[in-house]
Amino acid sequence: MDGGEGSYDGFSIPEKLRSNENATYTCDARTNEVTFTAISTQDPANTVIAEIGTDGKFIQSQWTYTGEFL
């Protein structure tokens, strides 16, 4: 949709979406990509990390799973 013109500078997860009964969600926004991390509320050793590129698509090779998700 080109809203950020290919840049994630200044992006943050809205407060209401930062946690739910499943996980706590954080993001690290950089100019060319944003990394999302989900940490399980049941077991913090279980995480999923995904990166999104400037085209707004997930970078398939950049998914990381820890804990029981392996």
N, C-alpha and C. Protein backbone atom coordinates (compact mmCIF):
# COMPACT_ATOMS: atom_id res chain seq x y z
N MET A 1 0.82 -1.19 0.00
CA MET A 1 0.00 0.00 0.00
C MET A 1 0.86 1.25 0.00
N ASP A 2 2.16 1.08 0.19
CA ASP A 2 3.14 2.17 0.10
C ASP A 2 2.96 3.27 1.13
N GLY A 3 2.28 2.99 2.24
CA GLY A 3 2.06 4.01 3.25
C GLY A 3 3.33 4.52 3.90
N GLY A 4 4.31 3.64 4.08
CA GLY A 4 5.58 4.04 4.70
C GLY A 4 6.67 4.29 3.70
N GLU A 5 6.32 4.24 2.41
CA GLU A 5 7.28 4.45 1.33
C GLU A 5 8.50 3.56 1.47
N GLY A 6 8.31 2.30 1.91
CA GLY A 6 9.40 1.35 2.03
C GLY A 6 10.23 1.48 3.28
N SER A 7 9.80 2.30 4.23
CA SER A 7 10.56 2.51 5.47
C SER A 7 9.69 2.20 6.68
N TYR A 8 10.30 1.57 7.69
CA TYR A 8 9.59 1.27 8.93
C TYR A 8 9.98 2.21 10.06
N ASP A 9 10.74 3.24 9.76
CA ASP A 9 11.15 4.20 10.80
C ASP A 9 9.93 4.71 11.55
N GLY A 10 9.98 4.64 12.86
CA GLY A 10 8.91 5.16 13.70
C GLY A 10 7.77 4.19 13.94
N PHE A 11 7.82 3.00 13.34
CA PHE A 11 6.74 2.04 13.53
C PHE A 11 6.81 1.44 14.93
N SER A 12 5.66 1.24 15.53
CA SER A 12 5.56 0.50 16.79
C SER A 12 4.22 -0.23 16.81
N ILE A 13 4.17 -1.30 17.58
CA ILE A 13 2.92 -2.05 17.71
C ILE A 13 1.97 -1.24 18.57
N PRO A 14 0.74 -1.05 18.14
CA PRO A 14 -0.22 -0.31 18.97
C PRO A 14 -0.38 -0.98 20.34
N GLU A 15 -0.54 -0.20 21.36
CA GLU A 15 -0.63 -0.67 22.74
C GLU A 15 -1.60 -1.84 22.92
N LYS A 16 -2.78 -1.73 22.33
CA LYS A 16 -3.81 -2.77 22.50
C LYS A 16 -3.43 -4.09 21.85
N LEU A 17 -2.45 -4.09 20.96
CA LEU A 17 -2.06 -5.31 20.25
C LEU A 17 -0.75 -5.91 20.78
N ARG A 18 -0.19 -5.35 21.82
CA ARG A 18 1.11 -5.81 22.32
C ARG A 18 1.05 -7.08 23.15
N SER A 19 -0.14 -7.48 23.56
CA SER A 19 -0.25 -8.75 24.29
C SER A 19 -1.69 -9.25 24.24
N ASN A 20 -1.80 -10.56 24.39
CA ASN A 20 -3.10 -11.21 24.50
C ASN A 20 -2.90 -12.49 25.30
N GLU A 21 -3.89 -13.36 25.34
CA GLU A 21 -3.78 -14.58 26.14
C GLU A 21 -2.73 -15.55 25.60
N ASN A 22 -2.29 -15.36 24.37
CA ASN A 22 -1.31 -16.27 23.76
C ASN A 22 0.13 -15.83 23.92
N ALA A 23 0.37 -14.53 23.81
CA ALA A 23 1.76 -14.06 23.77
C ALA A 23 1.87 -12.57 24.04
N THR A 24 3.12 -12.16 24.22
CA THR A 24 3.49 -10.75 24.26
C THR A 24 4.25 -10.48 22.97
N TYR A 25 3.95 -9.37 22.31
CA TYR A 25 4.52 -9.08 21.01
C TYR A 25 5.35 -7.80 21.07
N THR A 26 6.53 -7.86 20.48
CA THR A 26 7.39 -6.68 20.38
C THR A 26 7.86 -6.55 18.94
N CYS A 27 8.41 -5.39 18.62
CA CYS A 27 8.99 -5.22 17.29
C CYS A 27 10.22 -4.33 17.38
N ASP A 28 11.12 -4.56 16.45
CA ASP A 28 12.31 -3.75 16.29
C ASP A 28 12.27 -3.20 14.88
N ALA A 29 11.87 -1.95 14.74
CA ALA A 29 11.71 -1.34 13.42
C ALA A 29 12.98 -0.61 13.02
N ARG A 30 13.46 -0.96 11.84
CA ARG A 30 14.60 -0.28 11.24
C ARG A 30 14.14 0.27 9.89
N THR A 31 14.97 1.01 9.24
CA THR A 31 14.56 1.62 7.98
C THR A 31 14.08 0.58 6.96
N ASN A 32 14.84 -0.49 6.75
CA ASN A 32 14.54 -1.42 5.67
C ASN A 32 13.80 -2.68 6.08
N GLU A 33 13.65 -2.93 7.38
CA GLU A 33 12.94 -4.13 7.81
C GLU A 33 12.44 -3.94 9.24
N VAL A 34 11.51 -4.79 9.59
CA VAL A 34 10.99 -4.79 10.96
C VAL A 34 10.99 -6.24 11.43
N THR A 35 11.42 -6.45 12.67
CA THR A 35 11.45 -7.78 13.25
C THR A 35 10.39 -7.86 14.34
N PHE A 36 9.51 -8.84 14.23
CA PHE A 36 8.47 -9.07 15.23
C PHE A 36 8.87 -10.28 16.08
N THR A 37 8.67 -10.16 17.38
CA THR A 37 8.94 -11.26 18.30
C THR A 37 7.67 -11.53 19.10
N ALA A 38 7.29 -12.80 19.17
CA ALA A 38 6.17 -13.24 19.99
C ALA A 38 6.73 -14.16 21.07
N ILE A 39 6.42 -13.86 22.33
CA ILE A 39 6.87 -14.66 23.47
C ILE A 39 5.65 -15.26 24.13
N SER A 40 5.62 -16.57 24.20
CA SER A 40 4.48 -17.29 24.76
C SER A 40 4.19 -16.89 26.20
N THR A 41 2.91 -16.72 26.52
CA THR A 41 2.54 -16.42 27.90
C THR A 41 2.59 -17.68 28.76
N GLN A 42 2.41 -18.85 28.15
CA GLN A 42 2.45 -20.10 28.91
C GLN A 42 3.86 -20.53 29.25
N ASP A 43 4.81 -20.31 28.33
CA ASP A 43 6.21 -20.68 28.55
C ASP A 43 7.09 -19.70 27.79
N PRO A 44 7.72 -18.75 28.48
CA PRO A 44 8.54 -17.73 27.81
C PRO A 44 9.71 -18.28 27.01
N ALA A 45 10.02 -19.57 27.17
CA ALA A 45 11.07 -20.18 26.34
C ALA A 45 10.58 -20.41 24.91
N ASN A 46 9.28 -20.35 24.70
CA ASN A 46 8.70 -20.54 23.37
C ASN A 46 8.53 -19.19 22.69
N THR A 47 9.27 -18.99 21.62
CA THR A 47 9.19 -17.72 20.90
C THR A 47 9.13 -17.97 19.39
N VAL A 48 8.60 -16.97 18.70
CA VAL A 48 8.64 -16.94 17.24
C VAL A 48 9.13 -15.55 16.86
N ILE A 49 10.11 -15.51 15.97
CA ILE A 49 10.66 -14.24 15.49
C ILE A 49 10.55 -14.24 13.97
N ALA A 50 10.00 -13.15 13.42
CA ALA A 50 9.82 -13.04 11.97
C ALA A 50 10.24 -11.66 11.51
N GLU A 51 10.88 -11.62 10.34
CA GLU A 51 11.30 -10.33 9.77
C GLU A 51 10.50 -10.04 8.51
N ILE A 52 10.19 -8.76 8.33
CA ILE A 52 9.46 -8.29 7.16
C ILE A 52 10.33 -7.27 6.44
N GLY A 53 10.45 -7.42 5.13
CA GLY A 53 11.27 -6.52 4.33
C GLY A 53 10.52 -5.30 3.86
N THR A 54 11.19 -4.48 3.08
CA THR A 54 10.61 -3.22 2.61
C THR A 54 9.39 -3.40 1.72
N ASP A 55 9.26 -4.60 1.14
CA ASP A 55 8.11 -4.85 0.27
C ASP A 55 6.88 -5.27 1.06
N GLY A 56 7.00 -5.34 2.41
CA GLY A 56 5.87 -5.70 3.25
C GLY A 56 5.64 -7.19 3.36
N LYS A 57 6.56 -8.00 2.82
CA LYS A 57 6.42 -9.45 2.86
C LYS A 57 7.40 -10.04 3.87
N PHE A 58 6.98 -11.16 4.47
CA PHE A 58 7.86 -11.86 5.38
C PHE A 58 9.07 -12.38 4.63
N ILE A 59 10.24 -12.27 5.26
CA ILE A 59 11.47 -12.85 4.71
C ILE A 59 11.49 -14.30 5.18
N GLN A 60 11.17 -15.23 4.28
CA GLN A 60 10.98 -16.63 4.65
C GLN A 60 12.16 -17.22 5.39
N SER A 61 13.37 -16.87 5.01
CA SER A 61 14.55 -17.46 5.65
C SER A 61 14.83 -16.85 7.01
N GLN A 62 14.07 -15.86 7.41
CA GLN A 62 14.34 -15.15 8.66
C GLN A 62 13.32 -15.46 9.75
N TRP A 63 12.71 -16.62 9.73
CA TRP A 63 11.83 -17.05 10.81
C TRP A 63 12.65 -17.85 11.80
N THR A 64 12.51 -17.56 13.09
CA THR A 64 13.24 -18.27 14.12
C THR A 64 12.25 -18.76 15.16
N TYR A 65 12.40 -20.01 15.57
CA TYR A 65 11.53 -20.62 16.58
C TYR A 65 12.40 -21.12 17.73
N THR A 66 11.91 -20.99 18.96
CA THR A 66 12.64 -21.53 20.10
C THR A 66 11.69 -22.33 20.98
N GLY A 67 12.26 -23.06 21.93
CA GLY A 67 11.45 -23.83 22.86
C GLY A 67 10.75 -24.97 22.19
N GLU A 68 9.51 -25.20 22.57
CA GLU A 68 8.73 -26.32 22.05
C GLU A 68 8.33 -26.15 20.58
N PHE A 69 8.57 -24.99 20.01
CA PHE A 69 8.22 -24.77 18.61
C PHE A 69 9.23 -25.40 17.65
N LEU A 70 10.37 -25.88 18.18
CA LEU A 70 11.39 -26.47 17.31
C LEU A 70 10.96 -27.77 16.74
